[in-house]
Amino acid sequence: MPTPDAPPYLRIAAELRDRITGGALRPGDRVPSTRRITQEWGVAMATATKALATLRQQGLVESRPGVGTVVGELPPTAPGPGPAPAASTTPAPVRRRKPRGGEPGLSRERIVQAAIAVADAEGLAQLSMRRVAAELGVATMALYRHVGSKEELVDLMADTVLTTGPLPPDDLTGWRPRLAALARVQWALYRQHSWLASTISLTRPVPMPGSLRHGEFVLASVEPFGLPPATRLYLHILFFAAVRGIAVNLELQSQDRAQSMTINEWMESQETVLRSALATGAFPHFGAMLAELDTATGPEGFELDLDQLFEFALERLLDGLGLFFEPPGR
């Protein structure tokens, strides 16, 4: 066990570790949230967050969307009671594809696929021509014979993902089923490639075949209504912006998890600031809502889930379009 003068977060982590290794908390069980830890141990939110981060670094817990922090599958040599090891400053190695040096020469397709693999594994911020060249085992300058710049490479990556991803079946009928199916296809692509949403601009769009085929599906879905061309274009942009607007948070969520903090843990770490603002009385409706939410959700609190938020937003968008396409009394 940690010494009595050890930081509080280490003592809390050790107690929770004892519950896990002792069997009181089993794989898949939800561990106390940061809010629950602050209540049980009487510590600040930041201390509770560090305690859970320590357990996550030790591989004892993991974050699951829509569930929270749960006990992971314990390795055969799971750490027992004792001081938590100091967090390493060396980033964990990233699993990478072996360079395909035996293949005859480079191609644009190989470069794009390697770049997608890097962005999927490490994030768009880590993508560079040099990094992709290292992935392929070639000199950096060799890439420029096929791709003019990193900006062009990113456009090609997005186009490849949007082109190769399957669209809903074209014989699907009804504007609502078609648009709902397309939105879920796009969300799945954003989920698989969390960097994708940040590469697509609303105000400076690049007319790539991949994005055009998605737009074509939207326009075909609303074509029977005989709408003016500007209205049809706005509908296409609206639909694209609604899905992408939530999806841009997926990469931020991935970065937060890499830093051992979930969305809900971050929100809970800001609770003191929020409560201070509400105590001024300037935001009575927000305060009343949070009070009702605390009563409804109990001590574990509200869990923000981007998948649920996407589904909620999609249904509300479709409800609104329903009034546009099929107004009452028509």
C-alpha atoms as a PDB file:
ATOM      1  CA  MET A   1       0.000   0.000   0.000  1.00  0.00           C
ATOM      2  CA  PRO A   2       1.142   3.587  -0.529  1.00  0.00           C
ATOM      3  CA  THR A   3       2.639   5.314   2.475  1.00  0.00           C
ATOM      4  CA  PRO A   4       0.359   7.596   4.531  1.00  0.00           C
ATOM      5  CA  ASP A   5       2.044  10.652   3.039  1.00  0.00           C
ATOM      6  CA  ALA A   6       1.551   9.459  -0.559  1.00  0.00           C
ATOM      7  CA  PRO A   7      -0.587  11.672  -2.807  1.00  0.00           C
ATOM      8  CA  PRO A   8      -4.321  11.074  -2.300  1.00  0.00           C
ATOM      9  CA  TYR A   9      -4.842   9.900  -5.874  1.00  0.00           C
ATOM     10  CA  LEU A  10      -2.351   7.052  -5.336  1.00  0.00           C
ATOM     11  CA  ARG A  11      -4.124   5.930  -2.163  1.00  0.00           C
ATOM     12  CA  ILE A  12      -7.486   5.972  -3.960  1.00  0.00           C
ATOM     13  CA  ALA A  13      -6.035   4.081  -6.925  1.00  0.00           C
ATOM     14  CA  ALA A  14      -4.583   1.470  -4.572  1.00  0.00           C
ATOM     15  CA  GLU A  15      -7.944   0.936  -2.840  1.00  0.00           C
ATOM     16  CA  LEU A  16      -9.733   0.536  -6.153  1.00  0.00           C
ATOM     17  CA  ARG A  17      -6.965  -1.776  -7.367  1.00  0.00           C
ATOM     18  CA  ASP A  18      -7.505  -3.927  -4.268  1.00  0.00           C
ATOM     19  CA  ARG A  19     -11.221  -4.163  -5.117  1.00  0.00           C
ATOM     20  CA  ILE A  20     -10.339  -5.273  -8.638  1.00  0.00           C
ATOM     21  CA  THR A  21      -7.625  -7.788  -7.807  1.00  0.00           C
ATOM     22  CA  GLY A  22      -9.661  -9.048  -4.845  1.00  0.00           C
ATOM     23  CA  GLY A  23     -12.665  -9.793  -7.043  1.00  0.00           C
ATOM     24  CA  ALA A  24     -15.081  -7.200  -5.633  1.00  0.00           C
ATOM     25  CA  LEU A  25     -14.997  -5.546  -9.059  1.00  0.00           C
ATOM     26  CA  ARG A  26     -14.869  -7.982 -11.968  1.00  0.00           C
ATOM     27  CA  PRO A  27     -14.082  -7.490 -15.685  1.00  0.00           C
ATOM     28  CA  GLY A  28     -16.874  -5.437 -17.244  1.00  0.00           C
ATOM     29  CA  ASP A  29     -18.052  -3.960 -13.921  1.00  0.00           C
ATOM     30  CA  ARG A  30     -18.263  -0.205 -13.833  1.00  0.00           C
ATOM     31  CA  VAL A  31     -15.799   1.434 -11.452  1.00  0.00           C
ATOM     32  CA  PRO A  32     -16.753   4.513  -9.438  1.00  0.00           C
ATOM     33  CA  SER A  33     -16.957   7.615 -11.600  1.00  0.00           C
ATOM     34  CA  THR A  34     -14.943  10.711 -10.802  1.00  0.00           C
ATOM     35  CA  ARG A  35     -18.032  12.238  -9.221  1.00  0.00           C
ATOM     36  CA  ARG A  36     -18.563   9.144  -7.070  1.00  0.00           C
ATOM     37  CA  ILE A  37     -14.904   9.207  -5.992  1.00  0.00           C
ATOM     38  CA  THR A  38     -15.173  12.847  -4.914  1.00  0.00           C
ATOM     39  CA  GLN A  39     -18.178  11.933  -2.780  1.00  0.00           C
ATOM     40  CA  GLU A  40     -16.716   8.725  -1.300  1.00  0.00           C
ATOM     41  CA  TRP A  41     -13.211   9.999  -0.554  1.00  0.00           C
ATOM     42  CA  GLY A  42     -13.926  13.719  -0.164  1.00  0.00           C
ATOM     43  CA  VAL A  43     -11.335  14.820  -2.735  1.00  0.00           C
ATOM     44  CA  ALA A  44     -11.304  17.291  -5.587  1.00  0.00           C
ATOM     45  CA  MET A  45     -12.390  16.336  -9.095  1.00  0.00           C
ATOM     46  CA  ALA A  46      -8.823  16.615 -10.404  1.00  0.00           C
ATOM     47  CA  THR A  47      -7.641  14.084  -7.784  1.00  0.00           C
ATOM     48  CA  ALA A  48     -10.408  11.656  -8.764  1.00  0.00           C
ATOM     49  CA  THR A  49      -9.460  12.021 -12.427  1.00  0.00           C
ATOM     50  CA  LYS A  50      -5.788  11.263 -11.664  1.00  0.00           C
ATOM     51  CA  ALA A  51      -6.781   8.153  -9.680  1.00  0.00           C
ATOM     52  CA  LEU A  52      -8.706   6.714 -12.621  1.00  0.00           C
ATOM     53  CA  ALA A  53      -5.928   7.713 -15.018  1.00  0.00           C
ATOM     54  CA  THR A  54      -3.467   5.748 -12.852  1.00  0.00           C
ATOM     55  CA  LEU A  55      -5.623   2.623 -13.065  1.00  0.00           C
ATOM     56  CA  ARG A  56      -5.965   3.109 -16.804  1.00  0.00           C
ATOM     57  CA  GLN A  57      -2.186   3.384 -17.210  1.00  0.00           C
ATOM     58  CA  GLN A  58      -1.830   0.100 -15.334  1.00  0.00           C
ATOM     59  CA  GLY A  59      -4.237  -1.599 -17.741  1.00  0.00           C
ATOM     60  CA  LEU A  60      -6.803  -2.361 -15.044  1.00  0.00           C
ATOM     61  CA  VAL A  61      -9.660  -0.245 -16.409  1.00  0.00           C
ATOM     62  CA  GLU A  62     -10.811   0.981 -19.800  1.00  0.00           C
ATOM     63  CA  SER A  63     -13.346   3.459 -21.180  1.00  0.00           C
ATOM     64  CA  ARG A  64     -16.400   2.235 -23.067  1.00  0.00           C
ATOM     65  CA  PRO A  65     -18.672   4.658 -24.974  1.00  0.00           C
ATOM     66  CA  GLY A  66     -22.108   4.898 -23.392  1.00  0.00           C
ATOM     67  CA  VAL A  67     -21.001   2.914 -20.333  1.00  0.00           C
ATOM     68  CA  GLY A  68     -18.138   4.758 -18.658  1.00  0.00           C
ATOM     69  CA  THR A  69     -14.978   3.422 -17.036  1.00  0.00           C
ATOM     70  CA  VAL A  70     -15.108  -0.332 -16.461  1.00  0.00           C
ATOM     71  CA  VAL A  71     -12.739  -3.056 -15.273  1.00  0.00           C
ATOM     72  CA  GLY A  72     -10.801  -4.448 -18.220  1.00  0.00           C
ATOM     73  CA  GLU A  73      -9.763  -8.011 -18.888  1.00  0.00           C
ATOM     74  CA  LEU A  74      -7.029  -8.584 -16.331  1.00  0.00           C
ATOM     75  CA  PRO A  75      -3.697  -9.926 -17.591  1.00  0.00           C
ATOM     76  CA  PRO A  76      -2.269 -13.017 -15.852  1.00  0.00           C
ATOM     77  CA  THR A  77       0.180 -10.803 -13.957  1.00  0.00           C
ATOM     78  CA  ALA A  78      -2.202  -7.998 -13.054  1.00  0.00           C
ATOM     79  CA  PRO A  79      -0.604  -5.613 -10.543  1.00  0.00           C
ATOM     80  CA  GLY A  80      -1.547  -6.362  -6.978  1.00  0.00           C
ATOM     81  CA  PRO A  81      -1.790  -4.036  -4.012  1.00  0.00           C
ATOM     82  CA  GLY A  82       1.082  -1.569  -3.759  1.00  0.00           C
ATOM     83  CA  PRO A  83       2.201   1.831  -4.942  1.00  0.00           C
ATOM     84  CA  ALA A  84       1.059   2.787  -8.405  1.00  0.00           C
ATOM     85  CA  PRO A  85       3.980   2.856 -10.849  1.00  0.00           C
ATOM     86  CA  ALA A  86       5.015   6.262 -12.065  1.00  0.00           C
ATOM     87  CA  ALA A  87       3.526   7.218 -15.405  1.00  0.00           C
ATOM     88  CA  SER A  88       6.015   6.750 -18.214  1.00  0.00           C
ATOM     89  CA  THR A  89       6.935   9.767 -20.268  1.00  0.00           C
ATOM     90  CA  THR A  90       7.684   7.537 -23.257  1.00  0.00           C
ATOM     91  CA  PRO A  91       4.629   7.099 -25.521  1.00  0.00           C
ATOM     92  CA  ALA A  92       3.453   3.560 -26.070  1.00  0.00           C
ATOM     93  CA  PRO A  93       4.646   2.105 -29.372  1.00  0.00           C
ATOM     94  CA  VAL A  94       2.107   2.273 -32.179  1.00  0.00           C
ATOM     95  CA  ARG A  95       1.403  -0.857 -34.157  1.00  0.00           C
ATOM     96  CA  ARG A  96       2.408  -0.163 -37.712  1.00  0.00           C
ATOM     97  CA  ARG A  97       2.354  -2.051 -40.951  1.00  0.00           C
ATOM     98  CA  LYS A  98       5.651  -3.464 -42.130  1.00  0.00           C
ATOM     99  CA  PRO A  99       7.007  -1.630 -45.194  1.00  0.00           C
ATOM    100  CA  ARG A 100       6.178  -3.528 -48.357  1.00  0.00           C
ATOM    101  CA  GLY A 101       9.665  -3.152 -49.749  1.00  0.00           C
ATOM    102  CA  GLY A 102       9.329  -6.188 -51.990  1.00  0.00           C
ATOM    103  CA  GLU A 103       6.716  -4.559 -54.196  1.00  0.00           C
ATOM    104  CA  PRO A 104       7.965  -3.088 -57.470  1.00  0.00           C
ATOM    105  CA  GLY A 105       8.023   0.679 -57.075  1.00  0.00           C
ATOM    106  CA  LEU A 106       5.667   3.185 -55.557  1.00  0.00           C
ATOM    107  CA  SER A 107       2.210   4.243 -56.673  1.00  0.00           C
ATOM    108  CA  ARG A 108      -0.175   6.939 -55.611  1.00  0.00           C
ATOM    109  CA  GLU A 109      -2.537   4.273 -54.297  1.00  0.00           C
ATOM    110  CA  ARG A 110       0.134   2.741 -52.037  1.00  0.00           C
ATOM    111  CA  ILE A 111       1.062   6.146 -50.668  1.00  0.00           C
ATOM    112  CA  VAL A 112      -2.562   7.055 -49.928  1.00  0.00           C
ATOM    113  CA  GLN A 113      -3.252   3.732 -48.205  1.00  0.00           C
ATOM    114  CA  ALA A 114      -0.128   4.115 -46.066  1.00  0.00           C
ATOM    115  CA  ALA A 115      -1.162   7.643 -45.124  1.00  0.00           C
ATOM    116  CA  ILE A 116      -4.635   6.458 -44.128  1.00  0.00           C
ATOM    117  CA  ALA A 117      -3.064   3.777 -41.927  1.00  0.00           C
ATOM    118  CA  VAL A 118      -0.867   6.381 -40.211  1.00  0.00           C
ATOM    119  CA  ALA A 119      -3.771   8.794 -39.646  1.00  0.00           C
ATOM    120  CA  ASP A 120      -6.006   6.002 -38.332  1.00  0.00           C
ATOM    121  CA  ALA A 121      -3.358   4.839 -35.862  1.00  0.00           C
ATOM    122  CA  GLU A 122      -1.760   8.111 -34.800  1.00  0.00           C
ATOM    123  CA  GLY A 123      -4.072  10.969 -35.789  1.00  0.00           C
ATOM    124  CA  LEU A 124      -3.865  13.550 -38.537  1.00  0.00           C
ATOM    125  CA  ALA A 125      -1.504  15.767 -36.517  1.00  0.00           C
ATOM    126  CA  GLN A 126       1.182  13.067 -36.762  1.00  0.00           C
ATOM    127  CA  LEU A 127       0.822  12.698 -40.517  1.00  0.00           C
ATOM    128  CA  SER A 128       3.699  14.023 -42.624  1.00  0.00           C
ATOM    129  CA  MET A 129       5.333  13.100 -45.895  1.00  0.00           C
ATOM    130  CA  ARG A 130       8.368  11.910 -43.946  1.00  0.00           C
ATOM    131  CA  ARG A 131       6.213   9.737 -41.672  1.00  0.00           C
ATOM    132  CA  VAL A 132       4.479   8.110 -44.665  1.00  0.00           C
ATOM    133  CA  ALA A 133       7.825   7.539 -46.376  1.00  0.00           C
ATOM    134  CA  ALA A 134       9.083   5.778 -43.252  1.00  0.00           C
ATOM    135  CA  GLU A 135       5.971   3.600 -43.274  1.00  0.00           C
ATOM    136  CA  LEU A 136       6.747   2.556 -46.847  1.00  0.00           C
ATOM    137  CA  GLY A 137      10.491   2.265 -46.333  1.00  0.00           C
ATOM    138  CA  VAL A 138      11.390   4.801 -49.033  1.00  0.00           C
ATOM    139  CA  ALA A 139      13.008   8.231 -49.224  1.00  0.00           C
ATOM    140  CA  THR A 140      10.696  11.165 -48.544  1.00  0.00           C
ATOM    141  CA  MET A 141      11.404  12.763 -51.918  1.00  0.00           C
ATOM    142  CA  ALA A 142      10.184   9.612 -53.667  1.00  0.00           C
ATOM    143  CA  LEU A 143       6.638  10.443 -52.560  1.00  0.00           C
ATOM    144  CA  TYR A 144       6.641  13.764 -54.401  1.00  0.00           C
ATOM    145  CA  ARG A 145       6.842  11.954 -57.748  1.00  0.00           C
ATOM    146  CA  HIS A 146       3.266  10.802 -57.089  1.00  0.00           C
ATOM    147  CA  VAL A 147       1.773  13.391 -54.689  1.00  0.00           C
ATOM    148  CA  GLY A 148       2.517  17.095 -54.932  1.00  0.00           C
ATOM    149  CA  SER A 149       2.067  18.061 -51.271  1.00  0.00           C
ATOM    150  CA  LYS A 150       0.706  16.968 -47.912  1.00  0.00           C
ATOM    151  CA  GLU A 151      -2.470  18.969 -48.621  1.00  0.00           C
ATOM    152  CA  GLU A 152      -3.027  17.014 -51.826  1.00  0.00           C
ATOM    153  CA  LEU A 153      -2.338  13.775 -49.962  1.00  0.00           C
ATOM    154  CA  VAL A 154      -4.970  14.581 -47.326  1.00  0.00           C
ATOM    155  CA  ASP A 155      -7.526  15.331 -50.060  1.00  0.00           C
ATOM    156  CA  LEU A 156      -6.710  11.994 -51.719  1.00  0.00           C
ATOM    157  CA  MET A 157      -7.083  10.193 -48.388  1.00  0.00           C
ATOM    158  CA  ALA A 158     -10.547  11.666 -47.809  1.00  0.00           C
ATOM    159  CA  ASP A 159     -11.589  10.925 -51.388  1.00  0.00           C
ATOM    160  CA  THR A 160     -10.408   7.313 -51.099  1.00  0.00           C
ATOM    161  CA  VAL A 161     -12.369   6.736 -47.893  1.00  0.00           C
ATOM    162  CA  LEU A 162     -15.522   8.342 -49.297  1.00  0.00           C
ATOM    163  CA  THR A 163     -15.193   6.485 -52.599  1.00  0.00           C
ATOM    164  CA  THR A 164     -14.524   3.007 -51.248  1.00  0.00           C
ATOM    165  CA  GLY A 165     -17.143   3.183 -48.493  1.00  0.00           C
ATOM    166  CA  PRO A 166     -20.427   1.579 -49.633  1.00  0.00           C
ATOM    167  CA  LEU A 167     -23.500   3.742 -50.081  1.00  0.00           C
ATOM    168  CA  PRO A 168     -26.997   2.582 -49.084  1.00  0.00           C
ATOM    169  CA  PRO A 169     -28.722   0.490 -51.762  1.00  0.00           C
ATOM    170  CA  ASP A 170     -29.953   2.716 -54.585  1.00  0.00           C
ATOM    171  CA  ASP A 171     -33.322   0.937 -54.689  1.00  0.00           C
ATOM    172  CA  LEU A 172     -34.074   2.067 -51.126  1.00  0.00           C
ATOM    173  CA  THR A 173     -37.262   4.133 -51.352  1.00  0.00           C
ATOM    174  CA  GLY A 174     -38.602   7.102 -49.416  1.00  0.00           C
ATOM    175  CA  TRP A 175     -36.677  10.277 -48.637  1.00  0.00           C
ATOM    176  CA  ARG A 176     -36.489   9.583 -44.885  1.00  0.00           C
ATOM    177  CA  PRO A 177     -35.176   5.984 -45.044  1.00  0.00           C
ATOM    178  CA  ARG A 178     -32.670   7.021 -47.719  1.00  0.00           C
ATOM    179  CA  LEU A 179     -31.307  10.040 -45.868  1.00  0.00           C
ATOM    180  CA  ALA A 180     -31.219   8.171 -42.560  1.00  0.00           C
ATOM    181  CA  ALA A 181     -29.288   5.301 -44.158  1.00  0.00           C
ATOM    182  CA  LEU A 182     -26.801   7.687 -45.769  1.00  0.00           C
ATOM    183  CA  ALA A 183     -26.241   9.542 -42.489  1.00  0.00           C
ATOM    184  CA  ARG A 184     -25.443   6.281 -40.720  1.00  0.00           C
ATOM    185  CA  VAL A 185     -23.058   5.265 -43.507  1.00  0.00           C
ATOM    186  CA  GLN A 186     -21.257   8.591 -43.123  1.00  0.00           C
ATOM    187  CA  TRP A 187     -21.179   8.302 -39.334  1.00  0.00           C
ATOM    188  CA  ALA A 188     -19.629   4.832 -39.614  1.00  0.00           C
ATOM    189  CA  LEU A 189     -16.921   6.238 -41.904  1.00  0.00           C
ATOM    190  CA  TYR A 190     -16.208   9.056 -39.467  1.00  0.00           C
ATOM    191  CA  ARG A 191     -16.110   6.522 -36.651  1.00  0.00           C
ATOM    192  CA  GLN A 192     -13.624   4.338 -38.537  1.00  0.00           C
ATOM    193  CA  HIS A 193     -11.486   7.296 -39.614  1.00  0.00           C
ATOM    194  CA  SER A 194     -11.793   9.887 -36.837  1.00  0.00           C
ATOM    195  CA  TRP A 195      -9.562  12.334 -38.761  1.00  0.00           C
ATOM    196  CA  LEU A 196     -11.889  12.440 -41.775  1.00  0.00           C
ATOM    197  CA  ALA A 197     -14.345  15.108 -40.585  1.00  0.00           C
ATOM    198  CA  SER A 198     -11.605  17.682 -40.016  1.00  0.00           C
ATOM    199  CA  THR A 199     -10.353  17.324 -43.599  1.00  0.00           C
ATOM    200  CA  ILE A 200     -13.635  18.286 -45.263  1.00  0.00           C
ATOM    201  CA  SER A 201     -14.438  21.996 -45.495  1.00  0.00           C
ATOM    202  CA  LEU A 202     -17.909  23.492 -45.671  1.00  0.00           C
ATOM    203  CA  THR A 203     -16.780  26.846 -47.127  1.00  0.00           C
ATOM    204  CA  ARG A 204     -13.903  25.608 -49.303  1.00  0.00           C
ATOM    205  CA  PRO A 205     -15.073  22.230 -50.540  1.00  0.00           C
ATOM    206  CA  VAL A 206     -12.875  20.184 -52.854  1.00  0.00           C
ATOM    207  CA  PRO A 207     -15.097  18.597 -55.564  1.00  0.00           C
ATOM    208  CA  MET A 208     -13.835  15.055 -55.107  1.00  0.00           C
ATOM    209  CA  PRO A 209     -15.633  12.070 -56.694  1.00  0.00           C
ATOM    210  CA  GLY A 210     -16.089  10.510 -53.255  1.00  0.00           C
ATOM    211  CA  SER A 211     -17.932  13.472 -51.778  1.00  0.00           C
ATOM    212  CA  LEU A 212     -19.875  14.040 -55.001  1.00  0.00           C
ATOM    213  CA  ARG A 213     -21.295  10.505 -54.897  1.00  0.00           C
ATOM    214  CA  HIS A 214     -22.651  11.198 -51.396  1.00  0.00           C
ATOM    215  CA  GLY A 215     -24.141  14.460 -52.621  1.00  0.00           C
ATOM    216  CA  GLU A 216     -25.624  12.665 -55.617  1.00  0.00           C
ATOM    217  CA  PHE A 217     -27.409  10.264 -53.269  1.00  0.00           C
ATOM    218  CA  VAL A 218     -28.937  13.169 -51.321  1.00  0.00           C
ATOM    219  CA  LEU A 219     -30.067  14.982 -54.473  1.00  0.00           C
ATOM    220  CA  ALA A 220     -31.611  11.806 -55.873  1.00  0.00           C
ATOM    221  CA  SER A 221     -33.491  11.350 -52.593  1.00  0.00           C
ATOM    222  CA  VAL A 222     -35.123  14.794 -52.720  1.00  0.00           C
ATOM    223  CA  GLU A 223     -35.541  14.992 -56.524  1.00  0.00           C
ATOM    224  CA  PRO A 224     -39.246  13.917 -56.526  1.00  0.00           C
ATOM    225  CA  PHE A 225     -40.246  17.094 -54.676  1.00  0.00           C
ATOM    226  CA  GLY A 226     -39.364  19.437 -57.562  1.00  0.00           C
ATOM    227  CA  LEU A 227     -37.532  21.913 -55.348  1.00  0.00           C
ATOM    228  CA  PRO A 228     -35.614  24.922 -56.741  1.00  0.00           C
ATOM    229  CA  PRO A 229     -31.912  24.200 -57.387  1.00  0.00           C
ATOM    230  CA  ALA A 230     -30.685  26.502 -54.595  1.00  0.00           C
ATOM    231  CA  THR A 231     -32.978  24.741 -52.112  1.00  0.00           C
ATOM    232  CA  ARG A 232     -31.694  21.336 -53.180  1.00  0.00           C
ATOM    233  CA  LEU A 233     -28.115  22.512 -52.765  1.00  0.00           C
ATOM    234  CA  TYR A 234     -28.840  23.911 -49.306  1.00  0.00           C
ATOM    235  CA  LEU A 235     -30.421  20.608 -48.309  1.00  0.00           C
ATOM    236  CA  HIS A 236     -27.289  18.777 -49.418  1.00  0.00           C
ATOM    237  CA  ILE A 237     -25.059  21.175 -47.446  1.00  0.00           C
ATOM    238  CA  LEU A 238     -27.338  21.052 -44.391  1.00  0.00           C
ATOM    239  CA  PHE A 239     -27.271  17.272 -44.314  1.00  0.00           C
ATOM    240  CA  PHE A 240     -23.502  17.142 -44.722  1.00  0.00           C
ATOM    241  CA  ALA A 241     -22.945  19.806 -42.048  1.00  0.00           C
ATOM    242  CA  ALA A 242     -25.213  18.119 -39.488  1.00  0.00           C
ATOM    243  CA  VAL A 243     -23.373  14.794 -39.558  1.00  0.00           C
ATOM    244  CA  ARG A 244     -19.898  16.296 -39.849  1.00  0.00           C
ATOM    245  CA  GLY A 245     -20.624  18.813 -37.080  1.00  0.00           C
ATOM    246  CA  ILE A 246     -20.833  16.039 -34.497  1.00  0.00           C
ATOM    247  CA  ALA A 247     -18.162  13.880 -36.137  1.00  0.00           C
ATOM    248  CA  VAL A 248     -15.419  16.525 -35.762  1.00  0.00           C
ATOM    249  CA  ASN A 249     -15.459  15.686 -32.051  1.00  0.00           C
ATOM    250  CA  LEU A 250     -14.464  12.064 -32.675  1.00  0.00           C
ATOM    251  CA  GLU A 251     -10.785  12.887 -33.208  1.00  0.00           C
ATOM    252  CA  LEU A 252     -10.783  15.107 -30.112  1.00  0.00           C
ATOM    253  CA  GLN A 253     -12.317  12.222 -28.201  1.00  0.00           C
ATOM    254  CA  SER A 254      -9.549   9.908 -29.428  1.00  0.00           C
ATOM    255  CA  GLN A 255      -6.928  12.408 -28.284  1.00  0.00           C
ATOM    256  CA  ASP A 256      -8.576  12.660 -24.862  1.00  0.00           C
ATOM    257  CA  ARG A 257      -8.502   8.889 -24.469  1.00  0.00           C
ATOM    258  CA  ALA A 258      -4.836   8.838 -25.422  1.00  0.00           C
ATOM    259  CA  GLN A 259      -4.340  11.262 -22.530  1.00  0.00           C
ATOM    260  CA  SER A 260      -6.262   8.917 -20.191  1.00  0.00           C
ATOM    261  CA  MET A 261      -9.369  11.090 -19.856  1.00  0.00           C
ATOM    262  CA  THR A 262     -12.862  10.366 -21.150  1.00  0.00           C
ATOM    263  CA  ILE A 263     -15.403  12.985 -22.204  1.00  0.00           C
ATOM    264  CA  ASN A 264     -17.330  12.560 -18.983  1.00  0.00           C
ATOM    265  CA  GLU A 265     -14.228  12.726 -16.819  1.00  0.00           C
ATOM    266  CA  TRP A 266     -13.284  16.001 -18.486  1.00  0.00           C
ATOM    267  CA  MET A 267     -16.780  17.389 -17.964  1.00  0.00           C
ATOM    268  CA  GLU A 268     -16.726  16.321 -14.334  1.00  0.00           C
ATOM    269  CA  SER A 269     -13.310  17.940 -13.846  1.00  0.00           C
ATOM    270  CA  GLN A 270     -14.941  21.235 -14.862  1.00  0.00           C
ATOM    271  CA  GLU A 271     -17.850  20.862 -12.439  1.00  0.00           C
ATOM    272  CA  THR A 272     -16.409  23.257  -9.852  1.00  0.00           C
ATOM    273  CA  VAL A 273     -16.174  26.017 -12.469  1.00  0.00           C
ATOM    274  CA  LEU A 274     -19.704  25.290 -13.662  1.00  0.00           C
ATOM    275  CA  ARG A 275     -21.179  25.269 -10.169  1.00  0.00           C
ATOM    276  CA  SER A 276     -19.469  28.573  -9.384  1.00  0.00           C
ATOM    277  CA  ALA A 277     -21.041  30.146 -12.458  1.00  0.00           C
ATOM    278  CA  LEU A 278     -24.469  28.773 -11.560  1.00  0.00           C
ATOM    279  CA  ALA A 279     -24.164  30.034  -7.981  1.00  0.00           C
ATOM    280  CA  THR A 280     -24.348  33.600  -9.289  1.00  0.00           C
ATOM    281  CA  GLY A 281     -27.990  33.036 -10.195  1.00  0.00           C
ATOM    282  CA  ALA A 282     -27.436  34.346 -13.707  1.00  0.00           C
ATOM    283  CA  PHE A 283     -28.372  31.016 -15.305  1.00  0.00           C
ATOM    284  CA  PRO A 284     -31.500  29.781 -13.485  1.00  0.00           C
ATOM    285  CA  HIS A 285     -32.770  27.511 -16.254  1.00  0.00           C
ATOM    286  CA  PHE A 286     -29.415  25.785 -16.618  1.00  0.00           C
ATOM    287  CA  GLY A 287     -29.198  25.321 -12.854  1.00  0.00           C
ATOM    288  CA  ALA A 288     -32.704  23.883 -12.636  1.00  0.00           C
ATOM    289  CA  MET A 289     -31.984  21.477 -15.489  1.00  0.00           C
ATOM    290  CA  LEU A 290     -28.804  20.187 -13.829  1.00  0.00           C
ATOM    291  CA  ALA A 291     -30.634  19.713 -10.545  1.00  0.00           C
ATOM    292  CA  GLU A 292     -33.296  17.634 -12.281  1.00  0.00           C
ATOM    293  CA  LEU A 293     -30.587  15.717 -14.133  1.00  0.00           C
ATOM    294  CA  ASP A 294     -28.782  14.857 -10.893  1.00  0.00           C
ATOM    295  CA  THR A 295     -32.036  13.498  -9.471  1.00  0.00           C
ATOM    296  CA  ALA A 296     -32.829  11.494 -12.604  1.00  0.00           C
ATOM    297  CA  THR A 297     -29.378   9.969 -13.186  1.00  0.00           C
ATOM    298  CA  GLY A 298     -28.311   9.361  -9.591  1.00  0.00           C
ATOM    299  CA  PRO A 299     -24.759   9.533  -8.243  1.00  0.00           C
ATOM    300  CA  GLU A 300     -23.144   8.234 -11.429  1.00  0.00           C
ATOM    301  CA  GLY A 301     -24.321  11.286 -13.349  1.00  0.00           C
ATOM    302  CA  PHE A 302     -25.117  11.956 -16.983  1.00  0.00           C
ATOM    303  CA  GLU A 303     -23.039  10.080 -19.566  1.00  0.00           C
ATOM    304  CA  LEU A 304     -22.380  11.947 -22.813  1.00  0.00           C
ATOM    305  CA  ASP A 305     -22.224   9.511 -25.728  1.00  0.00           C
ATOM    306  CA  LEU A 306     -21.454  10.826 -29.217  1.00  0.00           C
ATOM    307  CA  ASP A 307     -23.230   7.906 -30.892  1.00  0.00           C
ATOM    308  CA  GLN A 308     -26.417   8.682 -28.967  1.00  0.00           C
ATOM    309  CA  LEU A 309     -26.015  12.376 -29.696  1.00  0.00           C
ATOM    310  CA  PHE A 310     -25.694  11.609 -33.421  1.00  0.00           C
ATOM    311  CA  GLU A 311     -28.849   9.467 -33.404  1.00  0.00           C
ATOM    312  CA  PHE A 312     -30.769  12.122 -31.448  1.00  0.00           C
ATOM    313  CA  ALA A 313     -29.676  14.892 -33.832  1.00  0.00           C
ATOM    314  CA  LEU A 314     -30.427  12.768 -36.892  1.00  0.00           C
ATOM    315  CA  GLU A 315     -33.982  12.002 -35.790  1.00  0.00           C
ATOM    316  CA  ARG A 316     -34.675  15.676 -34.986  1.00  0.00           C
ATOM    317  CA  LEU A 317     -33.256  16.746 -38.358  1.00  0.00           C
ATOM    318  CA  LEU A 318     -35.419  14.210 -40.169  1.00  0.00           C
ATOM    319  CA  ASP A 319     -38.473  15.310 -38.158  1.00  0.00           C
ATOM    320  CA  GLY A 320     -37.853  18.888 -39.272  1.00  0.00           C
ATOM    321  CA  LEU A 321     -37.372  17.890 -42.897  1.00  0.00           C
ATOM    322  CA  GLY A 322     -40.600  15.946 -42.644  1.00  0.00           C
ATOM    323  CA  LEU A 323     -42.462  19.205 -41.989  1.00  0.00           C
ATOM    324  CA  PHE A 324     -40.616  20.758 -44.937  1.00  0.00           C
ATOM    325  CA  PHE A 325     -41.301  17.963 -47.421  1.00  0.00           C
ATOM    326  CA  GLU A 326     -44.763  17.057 -46.161  1.00  0.00           C
ATOM    327  CA  PRO A 327     -46.290  20.111 -44.406  1.00  0.00           C
ATOM    328  CA  PRO A 328     -49.594  19.531 -42.580  1.00  0.00           C
ATOM    329  CA  GLY A 329     -52.623  20.178 -44.698  1.00  0.00           C
ATOM    330  CA  ARG A 330     -50.843  19.715 -48.033  1.00  0.00           C
END
